[in-house]
């Protein structure tokens, strides 16, 4: 999770056993929830709420952004989608 280009939180989604709520210090109030191997914007005080509409993120490369809050959720990892022979 980054706010204004600065990493504020790193979470290993595979190790999350209970619901975690993150409220980063951003220009606009946002609430991020991680649970069951997924992460999402739960709430935002921005006008359009596109970040909340992004839904759950769980795969490497998934990303959700709240531009007014300058907050980005990016899922990274070494997940393999295909087997190469």
N, C-alpha and C. Protein backbone atom coordinates (compact mmCIF):
# COMPACT_ATOMS: atom_id res chain seq x y z
N UNK A 1 0.86 -1.17 0.00
CA UNK A 1 0.00 0.00 0.00
C UNK A 1 0.90 1.22 0.00
N UNK A 2 0.69 2.13 -0.96
CA UNK A 2 1.47 3.36 -1.00
C UNK A 2 0.54 4.56 -0.92
N UNK A 3 1.03 5.62 -0.31
CA UNK A 3 0.33 6.89 -0.24
C UNK A 3 1.30 7.95 -0.73
N UNK A 4 0.90 8.64 -1.78
CA UNK A 4 1.73 9.71 -2.37
C UNK A 4 3.13 9.18 -2.73
N UNK A 5 3.17 7.94 -3.24
CA UNK A 5 4.42 7.34 -3.69
C UNK A 5 5.28 6.70 -2.62
N UNK A 6 4.85 6.75 -1.37
CA UNK A 6 5.62 6.19 -0.26
C UNK A 6 4.92 4.94 0.27
N UNK A 7 5.66 3.84 0.37
CA UNK A 7 5.09 2.60 0.91
C UNK A 7 4.78 2.80 2.39
N UNK A 8 3.51 2.57 2.76
CA UNK A 8 3.10 2.75 4.14
C UNK A 8 2.76 1.43 4.83
N UNK A 9 2.53 0.39 4.03
CA UNK A 9 2.17 -0.91 4.61
C UNK A 9 2.47 -1.99 3.59
N UNK A 10 3.03 -3.11 4.07
CA UNK A 10 3.25 -4.29 3.25
C UNK A 10 2.61 -5.46 3.98
N UNK A 11 1.76 -6.20 3.28
CA UNK A 11 1.02 -7.30 3.90
C UNK A 11 1.22 -8.56 3.09
N UNK A 12 1.52 -9.67 3.75
CA UNK A 12 1.56 -10.97 3.09
C UNK A 12 0.15 -11.53 3.14
N UNK A 13 -0.58 -11.47 2.02
CA UNK A 13 -1.98 -11.88 2.01
C UNK A 13 -2.15 -13.36 2.37
N UNK A 14 -1.17 -14.18 2.04
CA UNK A 14 -1.26 -15.61 2.34
C UNK A 14 -1.24 -15.89 3.84
N UNK A 15 -0.69 -14.97 4.61
CA UNK A 15 -0.58 -15.19 6.06
C UNK A 15 -1.68 -14.49 6.86
N UNK A 16 -2.58 -13.79 6.21
CA UNK A 16 -3.65 -13.09 6.93
C UNK A 16 -4.69 -14.10 7.40
N UNK A 17 -4.80 -14.24 8.71
CA UNK A 17 -5.75 -15.19 9.29
C UNK A 17 -7.04 -14.52 9.74
N UNK A 18 -6.94 -13.26 10.15
CA UNK A 18 -8.11 -12.50 10.60
C UNK A 18 -8.21 -11.23 9.78
N UNK A 19 -9.36 -10.61 9.78
CA UNK A 19 -9.59 -9.37 9.05
C UNK A 19 -8.67 -8.28 9.59
N UNK A 20 -7.95 -7.63 8.66
CA UNK A 20 -7.07 -6.52 9.01
C UNK A 20 -7.63 -5.26 8.35
N UNK A 21 -7.79 -4.20 9.12
CA UNK A 21 -8.25 -2.93 8.59
C UNK A 21 -7.11 -1.92 8.67
N UNK A 22 -6.82 -1.28 7.53
CA UNK A 22 -5.75 -0.29 7.45
C UNK A 22 -6.38 1.05 7.10
N UNK A 23 -6.03 2.08 7.85
CA UNK A 23 -6.49 3.43 7.58
C UNK A 23 -5.26 4.32 7.39
N UNK A 24 -4.72 4.33 6.15
CA UNK A 24 -3.50 5.11 5.93
C UNK A 24 -3.75 6.61 6.09
N UNK A 25 -2.70 7.32 6.43
CA UNK A 25 -2.76 8.77 6.58
C UNK A 25 -2.68 9.37 5.17
N UNK A 26 -3.84 9.64 4.58
CA UNK A 26 -3.92 10.16 3.22
C UNK A 26 -4.71 11.46 3.23
N UNK A 27 -4.67 12.18 2.09
CA UNK A 27 -5.41 13.45 1.98
C UNK A 27 -6.90 13.25 2.19
N UNK A 28 -7.41 12.12 1.74
CA UNK A 28 -8.82 11.77 1.88
C UNK A 28 -8.90 10.49 2.69
N UNK A 29 -9.87 10.38 3.56
CA UNK A 29 -10.04 9.21 4.41
C UNK A 29 -10.36 7.98 3.56
N UNK A 30 -9.51 6.94 3.64
CA UNK A 30 -9.77 5.66 3.00
C UNK A 30 -9.58 4.55 4.02
N UNK A 31 -10.31 3.46 3.81
CA UNK A 31 -10.21 2.30 4.67
C UNK A 31 -9.96 1.10 3.78
N UNK A 32 -8.90 0.35 4.06
CA UNK A 32 -8.51 -0.81 3.28
C UNK A 32 -8.64 -2.04 4.17
N UNK A 33 -9.19 -3.12 3.60
CA UNK A 33 -9.39 -4.35 4.36
C UNK A 33 -8.67 -5.50 3.67
N UNK A 34 -7.94 -6.30 4.45
CA UNK A 34 -7.32 -7.52 3.97
C UNK A 34 -7.92 -8.69 4.74
N UNK A 35 -8.38 -9.71 4.01
CA UNK A 35 -8.90 -10.92 4.64
C UNK A 35 -9.04 -12.02 3.60
N UNK A 36 -8.91 -13.25 4.03
CA UNK A 36 -9.09 -14.41 3.16
C UNK A 36 -8.23 -14.36 1.90
N UNK A 37 -7.00 -13.89 2.02
CA UNK A 37 -6.09 -13.84 0.89
C UNK A 37 -6.39 -12.76 -0.13
N UNK A 38 -7.23 -11.80 0.24
CA UNK A 38 -7.61 -10.71 -0.65
C UNK A 38 -7.47 -9.38 0.07
N UNK A 39 -7.40 -8.30 -0.72
CA UNK A 39 -7.33 -6.95 -0.17
C UNK A 39 -8.20 -6.05 -1.02
N UNK A 40 -8.79 -5.01 -0.41
CA UNK A 40 -9.70 -4.12 -1.15
C UNK A 40 -9.84 -2.78 -0.44
N UNK A 41 -10.28 -1.78 -1.21
CA UNK A 41 -10.73 -0.53 -0.61
C UNK A 41 -12.13 -0.79 -0.07
N UNK A 42 -12.30 -0.69 1.21
CA UNK A 42 -13.60 -0.91 1.84
C UNK A 42 -14.43 0.37 1.81
N UNK A 43 -13.75 1.52 2.01
CA UNK A 43 -14.46 2.80 2.08
C UNK A 43 -13.51 3.91 1.64
N UNK A 44 -14.10 4.93 1.02
CA UNK A 44 -13.34 6.13 0.69
C UNK A 44 -14.27 7.33 0.72
N UNK A 45 -13.76 8.46 1.17
CA UNK A 45 -14.54 9.69 1.19
C UNK A 45 -14.47 10.44 -0.14
N UNK A 46 -13.84 9.83 -1.18
CA UNK A 46 -13.77 10.49 -2.48
C UNK A 46 -15.16 10.49 -3.13
N UNK A 47 -15.32 11.33 -4.16
CA UNK A 47 -16.63 11.50 -4.78
C UNK A 47 -17.11 10.29 -5.57
N UNK A 48 -16.26 9.75 -6.45
CA UNK A 48 -16.74 8.73 -7.38
C UNK A 48 -16.66 7.29 -6.86
N UNK A 49 -15.87 7.02 -5.86
CA UNK A 49 -15.73 5.70 -5.24
C UNK A 49 -15.30 4.61 -6.21
N UNK A 50 -14.56 4.97 -7.27
CA UNK A 50 -14.07 3.98 -8.22
C UNK A 50 -13.14 2.98 -7.54
N UNK A 51 -12.40 3.44 -6.56
CA UNK A 51 -11.48 2.55 -5.85
C UNK A 51 -12.26 1.44 -5.13
N UNK A 52 -13.37 1.78 -4.52
CA UNK A 52 -14.20 0.80 -3.82
C UNK A 52 -14.81 -0.17 -4.83
N UNK A 53 -15.16 0.34 -6.00
CA UNK A 53 -15.74 -0.49 -7.06
C UNK A 53 -14.74 -1.47 -7.65
N UNK A 54 -13.46 -1.27 -7.38
CA UNK A 54 -12.43 -2.18 -7.91
C UNK A 54 -12.57 -3.59 -7.36
N UNK A 55 -13.19 -3.73 -6.21
CA UNK A 55 -13.42 -5.05 -5.63
C UNK A 55 -12.19 -5.64 -4.98
N UNK A 56 -12.22 -6.97 -4.82
CA UNK A 56 -11.15 -7.69 -4.14
C UNK A 56 -9.97 -7.93 -5.07
N UNK A 57 -8.78 -7.75 -4.55
CA UNK A 57 -7.54 -7.99 -5.28
C UNK A 57 -6.84 -9.18 -4.63
N UNK A 58 -6.38 -10.12 -5.44
CA UNK A 58 -5.72 -11.29 -4.86
C UNK A 58 -4.58 -11.83 -5.71
N UNK A 59 -4.54 -11.51 -6.99
CA UNK A 59 -3.53 -12.06 -7.88
C UNK A 59 -2.40 -11.07 -8.11
N UNK A 60 -1.21 -11.59 -8.32
CA UNK A 60 -0.07 -10.75 -8.62
C UNK A 60 -0.37 -9.89 -9.84
N UNK A 61 -0.15 -8.60 -9.72
CA UNK A 61 -0.46 -7.66 -10.80
C UNK A 61 -1.76 -6.92 -10.61
N UNK A 62 -2.62 -7.39 -9.70
CA UNK A 62 -3.86 -6.66 -9.41
C UNK A 62 -3.51 -5.32 -8.77
N UNK A 63 -4.27 -4.30 -9.14
CA UNK A 63 -4.01 -2.96 -8.62
C UNK A 63 -5.33 -2.19 -8.50
N UNK A 64 -5.43 -1.36 -7.46
CA UNK A 64 -6.56 -0.46 -7.28
C UNK A 64 -5.98 0.87 -6.80
N UNK A 65 -6.57 1.96 -7.29
CA UNK A 65 -6.05 3.29 -6.99
C UNK A 65 -7.18 4.22 -6.57
N UNK A 66 -6.94 5.01 -5.54
CA UNK A 66 -7.82 6.12 -5.19
C UNK A 66 -7.01 7.38 -5.48
N UNK A 67 -7.25 7.97 -6.64
CA UNK A 67 -6.48 9.14 -7.06
C UNK A 67 -6.62 10.33 -6.11
N UNK A 68 -7.86 10.67 -5.67
CA UNK A 68 -7.97 11.82 -4.76
C UNK A 68 -7.18 11.63 -3.46
N UNK A 69 -7.08 10.38 -3.00
CA UNK A 69 -6.34 10.10 -1.76
C UNK A 69 -4.87 9.77 -2.03
N UNK A 70 -4.49 9.71 -3.32
CA UNK A 70 -3.13 9.36 -3.72
C UNK A 70 -2.69 8.03 -3.10
N UNK A 71 -3.63 7.07 -3.05
CA UNK A 71 -3.40 5.78 -2.41
C UNK A 71 -3.51 4.66 -3.43
N UNK A 72 -2.53 3.74 -3.40
CA UNK A 72 -2.47 2.63 -4.35
C UNK A 72 -2.33 1.32 -3.58
N UNK A 73 -3.13 0.34 -3.99
CA UNK A 73 -2.97 -1.03 -3.51
C UNK A 73 -2.45 -1.82 -4.70
N UNK A 74 -1.32 -2.48 -4.54
CA UNK A 74 -0.73 -3.27 -5.62
C UNK A 74 -0.35 -4.64 -5.07
N UNK A 75 -0.87 -5.70 -5.69
CA UNK A 75 -0.55 -7.06 -5.28
C UNK A 75 0.65 -7.53 -6.10
N UNK A 76 1.69 -7.97 -5.40
CA UNK A 76 2.89 -8.48 -6.07
C UNK A 76 3.16 -9.88 -5.55
N UNK A 77 3.98 -10.60 -6.27
CA UNK A 77 4.34 -11.93 -5.82
C UNK A 77 4.93 -12.74 -6.94
N UNK A 78 5.20 -14.00 -6.65
CA UNK A 78 5.80 -14.89 -7.64
C UNK A 78 4.81 -15.93 -8.12
N UNK A 79 3.55 -15.57 -8.10
CA UNK A 79 2.48 -16.47 -8.54
C UNK A 79 2.67 -16.84 -10.01
N UNK A 80 2.50 -18.11 -10.33
CA UNK A 80 2.65 -18.59 -11.71
C UNK A 80 1.28 -18.89 -12.29
N UNK A 81 0.98 -18.33 -13.46
CA UNK A 81 -0.31 -18.56 -14.09
C UNK A 81 -0.29 -19.71 -15.09
N UNK A 82 0.88 -20.10 -15.57
CA UNK A 82 0.97 -21.15 -16.57
C UNK A 82 2.27 -21.93 -16.36
N UNK A 83 2.26 -23.14 -16.86
CA UNK A 83 3.44 -23.96 -16.78
C UNK A 83 4.14 -23.92 -18.14
N UNK A 84 5.44 -23.68 -18.14
CA UNK A 84 6.22 -23.62 -19.37
C UNK A 84 7.10 -24.85 -19.44
N UNK A 85 7.07 -25.51 -20.60
CA UNK A 85 7.90 -26.71 -20.83
C UNK A 85 9.04 -26.40 -21.72
